[in-house]
Amino acid sequence: MEEKFLRDTFVYGNEFWEFYNSQSLSVQKKIDWTIGLVRSLRVIPEKFFKHIEGTDGLYEIRVKFGSDIFRIFCFFDKGRLIILLNGFRKKSQKTPLGEIERALSLRRKYYEEK
């Protein structure tokens, strides 16, 4: 019998929840659905989950809702544990450097507090 979830998720800090709670219920449901895929699929399509180039282990969960695109930064801790950091609505082709730096800073804090 296959496990229902291959990976667990943990939200670090408040930034993810502030982003999540500021979205409409429809967007929240799509975020929940996408995180469910990331947790349960053995191989996650790049359409939903991608490594951020130039970083050491930072990933983005990719959510598309209508014409809107949302990104949630995360990383792995202890193999199958995904730590959710922060999210934002993407307004341009390129992921803003400030958002990546914020996620890297949150990841550093996570390990300092651990």
PDB file of N, CA and C in Angstrom:
ATOM      1  N   MET A   1       0.841  -1.195   0.000  1.00  0.00           N
ATOM      2  CA  MET A   1       0.000   0.000   0.000  1.00  0.00           C
ATOM      3  C   MET A   1       0.881   1.251   0.000  1.00  0.00           C
ATOM      4  N   GLU A   2       0.549   2.212  -0.857  1.00  0.00           N
ATOM      5  CA  GLU A   2       1.344   3.433  -0.979  1.00  0.00           C
ATOM      6  C   GLU A   2       0.925   4.450   0.072  1.00  0.00           C
ATOM      7  N   GLU A   3       1.918   5.195   0.584  1.00  0.00           N
ATOM      8  CA  GLU A   3       1.618   6.244   1.562  1.00  0.00           C
ATOM      9  C   GLU A   3       0.769   7.329   0.903  1.00  0.00           C
ATOM     10  N   LYS A   4      -0.153   7.902   1.683  1.00  0.00           N
ATOM     11  CA  LYS A   4      -0.957   8.997   1.139  1.00  0.00           C
ATOM     12  C   LYS A   4      -0.075  10.203   0.872  1.00  0.00           C
ATOM     13  N   PHE A   5       0.818  10.525   1.798  1.00  0.00           N
ATOM     14  CA  PHE A   5       1.712  11.654   1.601  1.00  0.00           C
ATOM     15  C   PHE A   5       3.150  11.195   1.699  1.00  0.00           C
ATOM     16  N   LEU A   6       3.913  11.518   0.681  1.00  0.00           N
ATOM     17  CA  LEU A   6       5.338  11.202   0.670  1.00  0.00           C
ATOM     18  C   LEU A   6       6.120  12.242   1.463  1.00  0.00           C
ATOM     19  N   ARG A   7       5.581  13.476   1.494  1.00  0.00           N
ATOM     20  CA  ARG A   7       6.283  14.579   2.149  1.00  0.00           C
ATOM     21  C   ARG A   7       5.358  15.282   3.139  1.00  0.00           C
ATOM     22  N   ASP A   8       5.961  15.830   4.181  1.00  0.00           N
ATOM     23  CA  ASP A   8       5.223  16.658   5.136  1.00  0.00           C
ATOM     24  C   ASP A   8       5.574  18.114   4.879  1.00  0.00           C
ATOM     25  N   THR A   9       4.686  19.010   5.304  1.00  0.00           N
ATOM     26  CA  THR A   9       4.984  20.437   5.193  1.00  0.00           C
ATOM     27  C   THR A   9       4.904  21.076   6.566  1.00  0.00           C
ATOM     28  N   PHE A  10       5.712  22.122   6.743  1.00  0.00           N
ATOM     29  CA  PHE A  10       5.728  22.906   7.967  1.00  0.00           C
ATOM     30  C   PHE A  10       5.862  24.363   7.550  1.00  0.00           C
ATOM     31  N   VAL A  11       5.042  25.221   8.132  1.00  0.00           N
ATOM     32  CA  VAL A  11       5.121  26.653   7.825  1.00  0.00           C
ATOM     33  C   VAL A  11       6.021  27.313   8.862  1.00  0.00           C
ATOM     34  N   TYR A  12       7.080  27.968   8.387  1.00  0.00           N
ATOM     35  CA  TYR A  12       7.989  28.682   9.281  1.00  0.00           C
ATOM     36  C   TYR A  12       7.601  30.156   9.314  1.00  0.00           C
ATOM     37  N   GLY A  13       7.419  30.690  10.509  1.00  0.00           N
ATOM     38  CA  GLY A  13       7.118  32.111  10.673  1.00  0.00           C
ATOM     39  C   GLY A  13       5.706  32.465  10.237  1.00  0.00           C
ATOM     40  N   ASN A  14       5.489  33.771  10.030  1.00  0.00           N
ATOM     41  CA  ASN A  14       4.152  34.276   9.692  1.00  0.00           C
ATOM     42  C   ASN A  14       3.990  34.682   8.238  1.00  0.00           C
ATOM     43  N   GLU A  15       5.099  34.795   7.512  1.00  0.00           N
ATOM     44  CA  GLU A  15       5.016  35.383   6.174  1.00  0.00           C
ATOM     45  C   GLU A  15       4.137  34.577   5.214  1.00  0.00           C
ATOM     46  N   PHE A  16       4.227  33.251   5.265  1.00  0.00           N
ATOM     47  CA  PHE A  16       3.365  32.446   4.396  1.00  0.00           C
ATOM     48  C   PHE A  16       1.901  32.694   4.739  1.00  0.00           C
ATOM     49  N   TRP A  17       1.571  32.665   6.053  1.00  0.00           N
ATOM     50  CA  TRP A  17       0.168  32.825   6.452  1.00  0.00           C
ATOM     51  C   TRP A  17      -0.361  34.210   6.090  1.00  0.00           C
ATOM     52  N   GLU A  18       0.484  35.252   6.215  1.00  0.00           N
ATOM     53  CA  GLU A  18       0.043  36.602   5.826  1.00  0.00           C
ATOM     54  C   GLU A  18      -0.298  36.633   4.335  1.00  0.00           C
ATOM     55  N   PHE A  19       0.558  36.017   3.521  1.00  0.00           N
ATOM     56  CA  PHE A  19       0.303  35.930   2.074  1.00  0.00           C
ATOM     57  C   PHE A  19      -0.974  35.125   1.816  1.00  0.00           C
ATOM     58  N   TYR A  20      -1.056  33.945   2.406  1.00  0.00           N
ATOM     59  CA  TYR A  20      -2.182  33.026   2.175  1.00  0.00           C
ATOM     60  C   TYR A  20      -3.507  33.674   2.576  1.00  0.00           C
ATOM     61  N   ASN A  21      -3.543  34.264   3.763  1.00  0.00           N
ATOM     62  CA  ASN A  21      -4.794  34.841   4.266  1.00  0.00           C
ATOM     63  C   ASN A  21      -5.226  36.084   3.502  1.00  0.00           C
ATOM     64  N   SER A  22      -4.323  36.694   2.743  1.00  0.00           N
ATOM     65  CA  SER A  22      -4.689  37.881   1.965  1.00  0.00           C
ATOM     66  C   SER A  22      -5.282  37.511   0.605  1.00  0.00           C
ATOM     67  N   GLN A  23      -5.313  36.216   0.279  1.00  0.00           N
ATOM     68  CA  GLN A  23      -5.849  35.762  -1.008  1.00  0.00           C
ATOM     69  C   GLN A  23      -7.331  35.431  -0.888  1.00  0.00           C
ATOM     70  N   SER A  24      -8.006  35.417  -2.037  1.00  0.00           N
ATOM     71  CA  SER A  24      -9.420  35.040  -2.062  1.00  0.00           C
ATOM     72  C   SER A  24      -9.545  33.550  -1.714  1.00  0.00           C
ATOM     73  N   LEU A  25     -10.729  33.134  -1.330  1.00  0.00           N
ATOM     74  CA  LEU A  25     -10.967  31.733  -0.992  1.00  0.00           C
ATOM     75  C   LEU A  25     -10.633  30.824  -2.177  1.00  0.00           C
ATOM     76  N   SER A  26     -10.957  31.261  -3.395  1.00  0.00           N
ATOM     77  CA  SER A  26     -10.655  30.459  -4.586  1.00  0.00           C
ATOM     78  C   SER A  26      -9.152  30.255  -4.760  1.00  0.00           C
ATOM     79  N   VAL A  27      -8.381  31.312  -4.547  1.00  0.00           N
ATOM     80  CA  VAL A  27      -6.922  31.202  -4.663  1.00  0.00           C
ATOM     81  C   VAL A  27      -6.385  30.314  -3.536  1.00  0.00           C
ATOM     82  N   GLN A  28      -6.914  30.475  -2.326  1.00  0.00           N
ATOM     83  CA  GLN A  28      -6.485  29.620  -1.209  1.00  0.00           C
ATOM     84  C   GLN A  28      -6.714  28.148  -1.530  1.00  0.00           C
ATOM     85  N   LYS A  29      -7.860  27.835  -2.126  1.00  0.00           N
ATOM     86  CA  LYS A  29      -8.147  26.437  -2.487  1.00  0.00           C
ATOM     87  C   LYS A  29      -7.149  25.926  -3.514  1.00  0.00           C
ATOM     88  N   LYS A  30      -6.776  26.765  -4.477  1.00  0.00           N
ATOM     89  CA  LYS A  30      -5.800  26.358  -5.493  1.00  0.00           C
ATOM     90  C   LYS A  30      -4.416  26.168  -4.863  1.00  0.00           C
ATOM     91  N   ILE A  31      -4.056  27.036  -3.916  1.00  0.00           N
ATOM     92  CA  ILE A  31      -2.786  26.885  -3.183  1.00  0.00           C
ATOM     93  C   ILE A  31      -2.799  25.560  -2.420  1.00  0.00           C
ATOM     94  N   ASP A  32      -3.887  25.282  -1.706  1.00  0.00           N
ATOM     95  CA  ASP A  32      -4.018  24.021  -0.957  1.00  0.00           C
ATOM     96  C   ASP A  32      -3.873  22.813  -1.885  1.00  0.00           C
ATOM     97  N   TRP A  33      -4.543  22.884  -3.035  1.00  0.00           N
ATOM     98  CA  TRP A  33      -4.509  21.785  -4.003  1.00  0.00           C
ATOM     99  C   TRP A  33      -3.071  21.566  -4.506  1.00  0.00           C
ATOM    100  N   THR A  34      -2.383  22.659  -4.829  1.00  0.00           N
ATOM    101  CA  THR A  34      -1.021  22.560  -5.360  1.00  0.00           C
ATOM    102  C   THR A  34      -0.059  22.025  -4.295  1.00  0.00           C
ATOM    103  N   ILE A  35      -0.186  22.491  -3.063  1.00  0.00           N
ATOM    104  CA  ILE A  35       0.661  21.973  -1.982  1.00  0.00           C
ATOM    105  C   ILE A  35       0.365  20.485  -1.777  1.00  0.00           C
ATOM    106  N   GLY A  36      -0.896  20.097  -1.919  1.00  0.00           N
ATOM    107  CA  GLY A  36      -1.255  18.676  -1.840  1.00  0.00           C
ATOM    108  C   GLY A  36      -0.533  17.846  -2.894  1.00  0.00           C
ATOM    109  N   LEU A  37      -0.423  18.371  -4.110  1.00  0.00           N
ATOM    110  CA  LEU A  37       0.331  17.675  -5.164  1.00  0.00           C
ATOM    111  C   LEU A  37       1.798  17.509  -4.768  1.00  0.00           C
ATOM    112  N   VAL A  38       2.375  18.594  -4.287  1.00  0.00           N
ATOM    113  CA  VAL A  38       3.791  18.577  -3.892  1.00  0.00           C
ATOM    114  C   VAL A  38       4.016  17.553  -2.785  1.00  0.00           C
ATOM    115  N   ARG A  39       3.059  17.440  -1.896  1.00  0.00           N
ATOM    116  CA  ARG A  39       3.190  16.485  -0.792  1.00  0.00           C
ATOM    117  C   ARG A  39       3.007  15.042  -1.244  1.00  0.00           C
ATOM    118  N   SER A  40       2.165  14.830  -2.270  1.00  0.00           N
ATOM    119  CA  SER A  40       1.747  13.456  -2.552  1.00  0.00           C
ATOM    120  C   SER A  40       2.322  12.823  -3.818  1.00  0.00           C
ATOM    121  N   LEU A  41       2.783  13.601  -4.769  1.00  0.00           N
ATOM    122  CA  LEU A  41       3.324  13.008  -5.991  1.00  0.00           C
ATOM    123  C   LEU A  41       4.775  12.593  -5.810  1.00  0.00           C
ATOM    124  N   ARG A  42       5.097  11.409  -6.274  1.00  0.00           N
ATOM    125  CA  ARG A  42       6.480  10.933  -6.187  1.00  0.00           C
ATOM    126  C   ARG A  42       7.409  11.824  -7.008  1.00  0.00           C
ATOM    127  N   VAL A  43       6.992  12.137  -8.244  1.00  0.00           N
ATOM    128  CA  VAL A  43       7.736  13.050  -9.118  1.00  0.00           C
ATOM    129  C   VAL A  43       6.827  14.249  -9.377  1.00  0.00           C
ATOM    130  N   ILE A  44       7.278  15.420  -8.975  1.00  0.00           N
ATOM    131  CA  ILE A  44       6.455  16.625  -9.106  1.00  0.00           C
ATOM    132  C   ILE A  44       6.794  17.321 -10.424  1.00  0.00           C
ATOM    133  N   PRO A  45       5.803  17.545 -11.298  1.00  0.00           N
ATOM    134  CA  PRO A  45       6.082  18.256 -12.551  1.00  0.00           C
ATOM    135  C   PRO A  45       6.621  19.660 -12.282  1.00  0.00           C
ATOM    136  N   GLU A  46       7.567  20.096 -13.108  1.00  0.00           N
ATOM    137  CA  GLU A  46       8.174  21.417 -12.948  1.00  0.00           C
ATOM    138  C   GLU A  46       7.137  22.535 -13.022  1.00  0.00           C
ATOM    139  N   LYS A  47       6.033  22.257 -13.661  1.00  0.00           N
ATOM    140  CA  LYS A  47       4.938  23.235 -13.733  1.00  0.00           C
ATOM    141  C   LYS A  47       4.480  23.658 -12.327  1.00  0.00           C
ATOM    142  N   PHE A  48       4.644  22.761 -11.346  1.00  0.00           N
ATOM    143  CA  PHE A  48       4.173  23.026  -9.981  1.00  0.00           C
ATOM    144  C   PHE A  48       5.288  23.226  -8.957  1.00  0.00           C
ATOM    145  N   PHE A  49       6.516  22.814  -9.290  1.00  0.00           N
ATOM    146  CA  PHE A  49       7.583  22.819  -8.287  1.00  0.00           C
ATOM    147  C   PHE A  49       8.921  22.920  -8.997  1.00  0.00           C
ATOM    148  N   LYS A  50       9.713  23.946  -8.662  1.00  0.00           N
ATOM    149  CA  LYS A  50      10.961  24.151  -9.399  1.00  0.00           C
ATOM    150  C   LYS A  50      12.044  24.687  -8.482  1.00  0.00           C
ATOM    151  N   HIS A  51      13.279  24.215  -8.695  1.00  0.00           N
ATOM    152  CA  HIS A  51      14.448  24.735  -7.979  1.00  0.00           C
ATOM    153  C   HIS A  51      14.737  26.144  -8.489  1.00  0.00           C
ATOM    154  N   ILE A  52      15.082  27.042  -7.570  1.00  0.00           N
ATOM    155  CA  ILE A  52      15.446  28.410  -7.944  1.00  0.00           C
ATOM    156  C   ILE A  52      16.915  28.415  -8.336  1.00  0.00           C
ATOM    157  N   GLU A  53      17.184  28.738  -9.591  1.00  0.00           N
ATOM    158  CA  GLU A  53      18.567  28.748 -10.083  1.00  0.00           C
ATOM    159  C   GLU A  53      19.418  29.711  -9.271  1.00  0.00           C
ATOM    160  N   GLY A  54      20.665  29.292  -9.045  1.00  0.00           N
ATOM    161  CA  GLY A  54      21.609  30.147  -8.333  1.00  0.00           C
ATOM    162  C   GLY A  54      21.452  30.107  -6.821  1.00  0.00           C
ATOM    163  N   THR A  55      20.579  29.218  -6.311  1.00  0.00           N
ATOM    164  CA  THR A  55      20.428  29.090  -4.853  1.00  0.00           C
ATOM    165  C   THR A  55      20.793  27.670  -4.446  1.00  0.00           C
ATOM    166  N   ASP A  56      21.126  27.529  -3.205  1.00  0.00           N
ATOM    167  CA  ASP A  56      21.471  26.225  -2.652  1.00  0.00           C
ATOM    168  C   ASP A  56      20.231  25.623  -1.992  1.00  0.00           C
ATOM    169  N   GLY A  57      19.392  24.985  -2.802  1.00  0.00           N
ATOM    170  CA  GLY A  57      18.260  24.249  -2.244  1.00  0.00           C
ATOM    171  C   GLY A  57      16.990  25.031  -1.987  1.00  0.00           C
ATOM    172  N   LEU A  58      16.833  26.209  -2.601  1.00  0.00           N
ATOM    173  CA  LEU A  58      15.579  26.943  -2.471  1.00  0.00           C
ATOM    174  C   LEU A  58      14.686  26.563  -3.659  1.00  0.00           C
ATOM    175  N   TYR A  59      13.421  26.298  -3.365  1.00  0.00           N
ATOM    176  CA  TYR A  59      12.454  25.894  -4.390  1.00  0.00           C
ATOM    177  C   TYR A  59      11.267  26.836  -4.373  1.00  0.00           C
ATOM    178  N   GLU A  60      10.494  26.799  -5.468  1.00  0.00           N
ATOM    179  CA  GLU A  60       9.237  27.535  -5.487  1.00  0.00           C
ATOM    180  C   GLU A  60       8.111  26.581  -5.851  1.00  0.00           C
ATOM    181  N   ILE A  61       7.022  26.700  -5.106  1.00  0.00           N
ATOM    182  CA  ILE A  61       5.785  26.011  -5.447  1.00  0.00           C
ATOM    183  C   ILE A  61       5.047  26.987  -6.351  1.00  0.00           C
ATOM    184  N   ARG A  62       4.643  26.494  -7.526  1.00  0.00           N
ATOM    185  CA  ARG A  62       4.092  27.360  -8.558  1.00  0.00           C
ATOM    186  C   ARG A  62       2.585  27.165  -8.674  1.00  0.00           C
ATOM    187  N   VAL A  63       1.852  28.246  -8.443  1.00  0.00           N
ATOM    188  CA  VAL A  63       0.385  28.188  -8.461  1.00  0.00           C
ATOM    189  C   VAL A  63      -0.116  29.145  -9.534  1.00  0.00           C
ATOM    190  N   LYS A  64      -0.945  28.633 -10.433  1.00  0.00           N
ATOM    191  CA  LYS A  64      -1.567  29.484 -11.455  1.00  0.00           C
ATOM    192  C   LYS A  64      -3.068  29.461 -11.221  1.00  0.00           C
ATOM    193  N   PHE A  65      -3.655  30.646 -11.164  1.00  0.00           N
ATOM    194  CA  PHE A  65      -5.100  30.758 -10.981  1.00  0.00           C
ATOM    195  C   PHE A  65      -5.601  31.799 -11.968  1.00  0.00           C
ATOM    196  N   GLY A  66      -6.310  31.351 -12.996  1.00  0.00           N
ATOM    197  CA  GLY A  66      -6.722  32.261 -14.061  1.00  0.00           C
ATOM    198  C   GLY A  66      -5.480  32.836 -14.713  1.00  0.00           C
ATOM    199  N   SER A  67      -5.411  34.155 -14.799  1.00  0.00           N
ATOM    200  CA  SER A  67      -4.225  34.786 -15.385  1.00  0.00           C
ATOM    201  C   SER A  67      -3.202  35.162 -14.311  1.00  0.00           C
ATOM    202  N   ASP A  68      -3.518  34.886 -13.053  1.00  0.00           N
ATOM    203  CA  ASP A  68      -2.602  35.219 -11.954  1.00  0.00           C
ATOM    204  C   ASP A  68      -1.642  34.073 -11.670  1.00  0.00           C
ATOM    205  N   ILE A  69      -0.422  34.461 -11.316  1.00  0.00           N
ATOM    206  CA  ILE A  69       0.611  33.481 -10.978  1.00  0.00           C
ATOM    207  C   ILE A  69       1.111  33.797  -9.571  1.00  0.00           C
ATOM    208  N   PHE A  70       1.197  32.768  -8.752  1.00  0.00           N
ATOM    209  CA  PHE A  70       1.659  32.917  -7.374  1.00  0.00           C
ATOM    210  C   PHE A  70       2.850  31.994  -7.161  1.00  0.00           C
ATOM    211  N   ARG A  71       3.767  32.411  -6.301  1.00  0.00           N
ATOM    212  CA  ARG A  71       4.927  31.592  -5.960  1.00  0.00           C
ATOM    213  C   ARG A  71       5.035  31.499  -4.446  1.00  0.00           C
ATOM    214  N   ILE A  72       5.369  30.301  -3.981  1.00  0.00           N
ATOM    215  CA  ILE A  72       5.598  30.067  -2.554  1.00  0.00           C
ATOM    216  C   ILE A  72       6.994  29.466  -2.432  1.00  0.00           C
ATOM    217  N   PHE A  73       7.866  30.148  -1.708  1.00  0.00           N
ATOM    218  CA  PHE A  73       9.228  29.651  -1.541  1.00  0.00           C
ATOM    219  C   PHE A  73       9.283  28.621  -0.430  1.00  0.00           C
ATOM    220  N   CYS A  74      10.139  27.628  -0.625  1.00  0.00           N
ATOM    221  CA  CYS A  74      10.270  26.548   0.346  1.00  0.00           C
ATOM    222  C   CYS A  74      11.627  25.878   0.183  1.00  0.00           C
ATOM    223  N   PHE A  75      11.935  24.989   1.122  1.00  0.00           N
ATOM    224  CA  PHE A  75      13.151  24.181   1.040  1.00  0.00           C
ATOM    225  C   PHE A  75      12.920  22.891   1.797  1.00  0.00           C
ATOM    226  N   PHE A  76      13.809  21.936   1.587  1.00  0.00           N
ATOM    227  CA  PHE A  76      13.704  20.650   2.271  1.00  0.00           C
ATOM    228  C   PHE A  76      14.545  20.660   3.537  1.00  0.00           C
ATOM    229  N   ASP A  77      14.014  20.054   4.587  1.00  0.00           N
ATOM    230  CA  ASP A  77      14.768  19.815   5.815  1.00  0.00           C
ATOM    231  C   ASP A  77      14.542  18.346   6.174  1.00  0.00           C
ATOM    232  N   LYS A  78      15.588  17.660   6.505  1.00  0.00           N
ATOM    233  CA  LYS A  78      15.488  16.231   6.855  1.00  0.00           C
ATOM    234  C   LYS A  78      14.783  15.425   5.766  1.00  0.00           C
ATOM    235  N   GLY A  79      15.206  15.607   4.534  1.00  0.00           N
ATOM    236  CA  GLY A  79      14.721  14.763   3.450  1.00  0.00           C
ATOM    237  C   GLY A  79      13.334  15.058   2.942  1.00  0.00           C
ATOM    238  N   ARG A  80      12.311  14.605   3.677  1.00  0.00           N
ATOM    239  CA  ARG A  80      10.947  14.703   3.146  1.00  0.00           C
ATOM    240  C   ARG A  80      10.108  15.791   3.801  1.00  0.00           C
ATOM    241  N   LEU A  81      10.729  16.644   4.593  1.00  0.00           N
ATOM    242  CA  LEU A  81      10.007  17.735   5.240  1.00  0.00           C
ATOM    243  C   LEU A  81      10.212  19.001   4.419  1.00  0.00           C
ATOM    244  N   ILE A  82       9.126  19.587   3.950  1.00  0.00           N
ATOM    245  CA  ILE A  82       9.201  20.821   3.171  1.00  0.00           C
ATOM    246  C   ILE A  82       8.809  21.985   4.081  1.00  0.00           C
ATOM    247  N   ILE A  83       9.699  22.967   4.182  1.00  0.00           N
ATOM    248  CA  ILE A  83       9.458  24.146   5.002  1.00  0.00           C
ATOM    249  C   ILE A  83       8.962  25.263   4.092  1.00  0.00           C
ATOM    250  N   LEU A  84       7.729  25.722   4.329  1.00  0.00           N
ATOM    251  CA  LEU A  84       7.142  26.818   3.549  1.00  0.00           C
ATOM    252  C   LEU A  84       7.566  28.145   4.180  1.00  0.00           C
ATOM    253  N   LEU A  85       8.034  29.083   3.352  1.00  0.00           N
ATOM    254  CA  LEU A  85       8.586  30.334   3.869  1.00  0.00           C
ATOM    255  C   LEU A  85       7.698  31.545   3.610  1.00  0.00           C
ATOM    256  N   ASN A  86       7.607  31.958   2.360  1.00  0.00           N
ATOM    257  CA  ASN A  86       6.835  33.147   2.011  1.00  0.00           C
ATOM    258  C   ASN A  86       6.254  32.974   0.612  1.00  0.00           C
ATOM    259  N   GLY A  87       5.279  33.792   0.307  1.00  0.00           N
ATOM    260  CA  GLY A  87       4.650  33.720  -0.999  1.00  0.00           C
ATOM    261  C   GLY A  87       4.382  35.106  -1.534  1.00  0.00           C
ATOM    262  N   PHE A  88       4.157  35.180  -2.838  1.00  0.00           N
ATOM    263  CA  PHE A  88       3.837  36.466  -3.447  1.00  0.00           C
ATOM    264  C   PHE A  88       3.129  36.229  -4.780  1.00  0.00           C
ATOM    265  N   ARG A  89       2.488  37.269  -5.258  1.00  0.00           N
ATOM    266  CA  ARG A  89       1.849  37.232  -6.573  1.00  0.00           C
ATOM    267  C   ARG A  89       2.874  37.736  -7.573  1.00  0.00           C
ATOM    268  N   LYS A  90       3.104  36.940  -8.582  1.00  0.00           N
ATOM    269  CA  LYS A  90       4.131  37.267  -9.575  1.00  0.00           C
ATOM    270  C   LYS A  90       3.551  38.226 -10.610  1.00  0.00           C
ATOM    271  N   LYS A  91       4.273  39.337 -10.847  1.00  0.00           N
ATOM    272  CA  LYS A  91       3.755  40.350 -11.763  1.00  0.00           C
ATOM    273  C   LYS A  91       4.611  40.504 -13.008  1.00  0.00           C
ATOM    274  N   SER A  92       5.756  39.789 -13.053  1.00  0.00           N
ATOM    275  CA  SER A  92       6.617  39.885 -14.229  1.00  0.00           C
ATOM    276  C   SER A  92       7.197  38.511 -14.530  1.00  0.00           C
ATOM    277  N   GLN A  93       7.869  38.392 -15.656  1.00  0.00           N
ATOM    278  CA  GLN A  93       8.460  37.120 -16.061  1.00  0.00           C
ATOM    279  C   GLN A  93       9.478  36.626 -15.045  1.00  0.00           C
ATOM    280  N   LYS A  94      10.303  37.541 -14.571  1.00  0.00           N
ATOM    281  CA  LYS A  94      11.403  37.165 -13.696  1.00  0.00           C
ATOM    282  C   LYS A  94      10.966  37.255 -12.237  1.00  0.00           C
ATOM    283  N   THR A  95      11.380  36.285 -11.438  1.00  0.00           N
ATOM    284  CA  THR A  95      11.083  36.330 -10.001  1.00  0.00           C
ATOM    285  C   THR A  95      11.909  37.457  -9.381  1.00  0.00           C
ATOM    286  N   PRO A  96      11.264  38.394  -8.672  1.00  0.00           N
ATOM    287  CA  PRO A  96      11.999  39.521  -8.086  1.00  0.00           C
ATOM    288  C   PRO A  96      13.090  39.046  -7.120  1.00  0.00           C
ATOM    289  N   LEU A  97      14.281  39.608  -7.272  1.00  0.00           N
ATOM    290  CA  LEU A  97      15.415  39.245  -6.436  1.00  0.00           C
ATOM    291  C   LEU A  97      15.119  39.480  -4.956  1.00  0.00           C
ATOM    292  N   GLY A  98      14.380  40.539  -4.661  1.00  0.00           N
ATOM    293  CA  GLY A  98      14.038  40.848  -3.270  1.00  0.00           C
ATOM    294  C   GLY A  98      13.250  39.727  -2.610  1.00  0.00           C
ATOM    295  N   GLU A  99      12.357  39.095  -3.363  1.00  0.00           N
ATOM    296  CA  GLU A  99      11.559  37.978  -2.829  1.00  0.00           C
ATOM    297  C   GLU A  99      12.453  36.767  -2.551  1.00  0.00           C
ATOM    298  N   ILE A 100      13.405  36.506  -3.451  1.00  0.00           N
ATOM    299  CA  ILE A 100      14.337  35.387  -3.249  1.00  0.00           C
ATOM    300  C   ILE A 100      15.205  35.658  -2.027  1.00  0.00           C
ATOM    301  N   GLU A 101      15.703  36.894  -1.907  1.00  0.00           N
ATOM    302  CA  GLU A 101      16.547  37.251  -0.757  1.00  0.00           C
ATOM    303  C   GLU A 101      15.775  37.126   0.557  1.00  0.00           C
ATOM    304  N   ARG A 102      14.505  37.508   0.525  1.00  0.00           N
ATOM    305  CA  ARG A 102      13.676  37.384   1.734  1.00  0.00           C
ATOM    306  C   ARG A 102      13.534  35.910   2.133  1.00  0.00           C
ATOM    307  N   ALA A 103      13.308  35.045   1.142  1.00  0.00           N
ATOM    308  CA  ALA A 103      13.183  33.609   1.416  1.00  0.00           C
ATOM    309  C   ALA A 103      14.494  33.048   1.970  1.00  0.00           C
ATOM    310  N   LEU A 104      15.617  33.449   1.394  1.00  0.00           N
ATOM    311  CA  LEU A 104      16.915  32.965   1.883  1.00  0.00           C
ATOM    312  C   LEU A 104      17.170  33.438   3.310  1.00  0.00           C
ATOM    313  N   SER A 105      16.768  34.660   3.613  1.00  0.00           N
ATOM    314  CA  SER A 105      16.915  35.197   4.970  1.00  0.00           C
ATOM    315  C   SER A 105      16.051  34.400   5.957  1.00  0.00           C
ATOM    316  N   LEU A 106      14.808  34.074   5.562  1.00  0.00           N
ATOM    317  CA  LEU A 106      13.933  33.271   6.420  1.00  0.00           C
ATOM    318  C   LEU A 106      14.529  31.882   6.644  1.00  0.00           C
ATOM    319  N   ARG A 107      15.120  31.309   5.599  1.00  0.00           N
ATOM    320  CA  ARG A 107      15.732  29.979   5.742  1.00  0.00           C
ATOM    321  C   ARG A 107      16.903  30.027   6.729  1.00  0.00           C
ATOM    322  N   ARG A 108      17.720  31.088   6.636  1.00  0.00           N
ATOM    323  CA  ARG A 108      18.832  31.248   7.597  1.00  0.00           C
ATOM    324  C   ARG A 108      18.303  31.324   9.031  1.00  0.00           C
ATOM    325  N   LYS A 109      17.253  32.127   9.243  1.00  0.00           N
ATOM    326  CA  LYS A 109      16.651  32.258  10.579  1.00  0.00           C
ATOM    327  C   LYS A 109      16.134  30.909  11.077  1.00  0.00           C
ATOM    328  N   TYR A 110      15.503  30.147  10.183  1.00  0.00           N
ATOM    329  CA  TYR A 110      14.987  28.824  10.550  1.00  0.00           C
ATOM    330  C   TYR A 110      16.104  27.965  11.128  1.00  0.00           C
ATOM    331  N   TYR A 111      17.247  27.900  10.438  1.00  0.00           N
ATOM    332  CA  TYR A 111      18.346  27.070  10.908  1.00  0.00           C
ATOM    333  C   TYR A 111      19.001  27.637  12.169  1.00  0.00           C
ATOM    334  N   GLU A 112      19.018  28.956  12.312  1.00  0.00           N
ATOM    335  CA  GLU A 112      19.573  29.558  13.536  1.00  0.00           C
ATOM    336  C   GLU A 112      18.730  29.200  14.751  1.00  0.00           C
ATOM    337  N   GLU A 113      17.413  29.170  14.563  1.00  0.00           N
ATOM    338  CA  GLU A 113      16.496  28.896  15.687  1.00  0.00           C
ATOM    339  C   GLU A 113      16.370  27.418  15.994  1.00  0.00           C
ATOM    340  N   LYS A 114      16.754  26.579  15.059  1.00  0.00           N
ATOM    341  CA  LYS A 114      16.569  25.144  15.184  1.00  0.00           C
ATOM    342  C   LYS A 114      17.469  24.554  16.262  1.00  0.00           C
TER     343      LYS A 114
END
